[in-house]
Amino acid sequence: MSSPVSVAHRLHVQSLYKRSLKLSLDWYIQRDLWRQKALAIRAQFEQNKALTNPKEIQAVVQNAEKELQEWAHPDPYKFPMGPEGTKWERNLPPIVNDPSAHHH
């Protein structure tokens, strides 16, 4: 059974990986270009997978967090239909004040 520390560490690294991929989508909107970057990110994570020294692991994780902050896009991509997207809540049905009206 895994210790709580190793579970927490694994979840943190998974979160770091996911955030790295999402951040790279801000810079590479075309999927064929992004795929190459995603493979490079995966290779970086795989390269450090075998580390066992806690101080080295902590240094690598802190360095990755720092890189994410430095690499943040000034105008991140937002999906058009998502919150804050260009089509968010466009063409909503009209509000009817009649309490007997059914809303679907």
Protein backbone atom coordinates (compact mmCIF):
# COMPACT_ATOMS: atom_id res chain seq x y z
CA MET A 1 0.00 0.00 0.00
CA SER A 2 1.28 3.48 -0.86
CA SER A 3 2.04 5.95 1.88
CA PRO A 4 0.01 9.18 2.04
CA VAL A 5 3.15 11.15 1.14
CA SER A 6 3.75 9.18 -2.05
CA VAL A 7 0.07 9.45 -3.01
CA ALA A 8 0.13 13.21 -2.45
CA HIS A 9 3.36 13.49 -4.42
CA ARG A 10 1.96 11.43 -7.30
CA LEU A 11 -1.17 13.61 -7.43
CA HIS A 12 0.97 16.76 -7.40
CA VAL A 13 3.13 15.50 -10.27
CA GLN A 14 0.03 14.48 -12.24
CA SER A 15 -1.40 17.95 -11.69
CA LEU A 16 1.89 19.49 -12.82
CA TYR A 17 1.86 17.36 -15.98
CA LYS A 18 -1.75 18.27 -16.78
CA ARG A 19 -1.10 21.98 -16.20
CA SER A 20 1.95 21.77 -18.46
CA LEU A 21 -0.11 20.29 -21.27
CA LYS A 22 -2.90 22.83 -20.86
CA LEU A 23 -0.43 25.71 -20.77
CA SER A 24 1.24 24.47 -23.93
CA LEU A 25 -2.15 24.63 -25.66
CA ASP A 26 -2.10 28.41 -25.09
CA TRP A 27 1.04 28.66 -27.21
CA TYR A 28 0.32 25.94 -29.80
CA ILE A 29 -3.27 26.04 -30.99
CA GLN A 30 -2.65 23.83 -34.03
CA ARG A 31 -2.84 20.23 -32.80
CA ASP A 32 -0.04 18.89 -34.99
CA LEU A 33 2.40 21.45 -33.56
CA TRP A 34 1.05 20.98 -30.04
CA ARG A 35 1.46 17.20 -30.26
CA GLN A 36 5.21 17.61 -30.72
CA LYS A 37 5.37 19.85 -27.65
CA ALA A 38 3.22 17.39 -25.68
CA LEU A 39 5.63 14.58 -26.54
CA ALA A 40 8.57 16.72 -25.39
CA ILE A 41 6.78 17.45 -22.09
CA ARG A 42 6.09 13.75 -21.61
CA ALA A 43 9.75 12.94 -22.29
CA GLN A 44 10.81 15.42 -19.58
CA PHE A 45 8.49 13.78 -17.06
CA GLU A 46 9.60 10.28 -18.06
CA GLN A 47 13.25 11.32 -17.74
CA ASN A 48 12.73 12.24 -14.07
CA LYS A 49 10.48 9.29 -13.24
CA ALA A 50 13.32 7.18 -11.83
CA LEU A 51 14.56 9.78 -9.33
CA THR A 52 14.60 8.49 -5.76
CA ASN A 53 16.48 11.17 -3.83
CA PRO A 54 13.82 13.35 -2.13
CA LYS A 55 15.95 16.50 -2.42
CA GLU A 56 16.46 15.98 -6.16
CA ILE A 57 12.76 15.30 -6.63
CA GLN A 58 11.83 18.44 -4.72
CA ALA A 59 14.28 20.51 -6.79
CA VAL A 60 12.90 19.13 -10.07
CA VAL A 61 9.29 19.80 -9.03
CA GLN A 62 10.11 23.33 -7.87
CA ASN A 63 11.96 24.01 -11.12
CA ALA A 64 8.96 22.76 -13.12
CA GLU A 65 6.58 24.97 -11.13
CA LYS A 66 8.88 27.95 -11.77
CA GLU A 67 8.98 27.17 -15.51
CA LEU A 68 5.18 27.02 -15.61
CA GLN A 69 4.93 30.46 -14.03
CA GLU A 70 7.50 31.91 -16.43
CA TRP A 71 5.85 30.29 -19.45
CA ALA A 72 2.33 31.48 -18.65
CA HIS A 73 0.67 33.03 -21.68
CA PRO A 74 -0.35 36.70 -21.30
CA ASP A 75 -3.59 36.03 -23.19
CA PRO A 76 -4.49 32.36 -22.62
CA TYR A 77 -6.71 30.58 -25.13
CA LYS A 78 -10.33 30.26 -24.07
CA PHE A 79 -12.73 27.92 -25.78
CA PRO A 80 -15.44 29.99 -27.52
CA MET A 81 -18.33 28.20 -25.81
CA GLY A 82 -16.56 28.03 -22.42
CA PRO A 83 -16.73 30.57 -19.58
CA GLU A 84 -15.31 33.91 -20.73
CA GLY A 85 -15.22 32.65 -24.33
CA THR A 86 -16.46 34.79 -27.21
CA LYS A 87 -19.72 32.82 -27.50
CA TRP A 88 -20.34 32.29 -23.76
CA GLU A 89 -24.04 32.76 -22.98
CA ARG A 90 -24.77 34.04 -26.47
CA ASN A 91 -28.38 33.74 -27.63
CA LEU A 92 -29.86 32.78 -24.27
CA PRO A 93 -33.62 32.17 -24.24
CA PRO A 94 -35.60 35.24 -23.13
CA ILE A 95 -36.48 35.55 -19.47
CA VAL A 96 -40.22 35.19 -18.91
CA ASN A 97 -41.60 36.65 -15.69
CA ASP A 98 -44.77 34.56 -15.91
CA PRO A 99 -44.51 31.99 -13.05
CA SER A 100 -46.83 29.59 -14.90
CA ALA A 101 -44.49 29.45 -17.93
CA HIS A 102 -42.42 26.30 -18.18
CA HIS A 103 -38.73 26.62 -18.83
CA HIS A 104 -36.92 23.84 -20.63
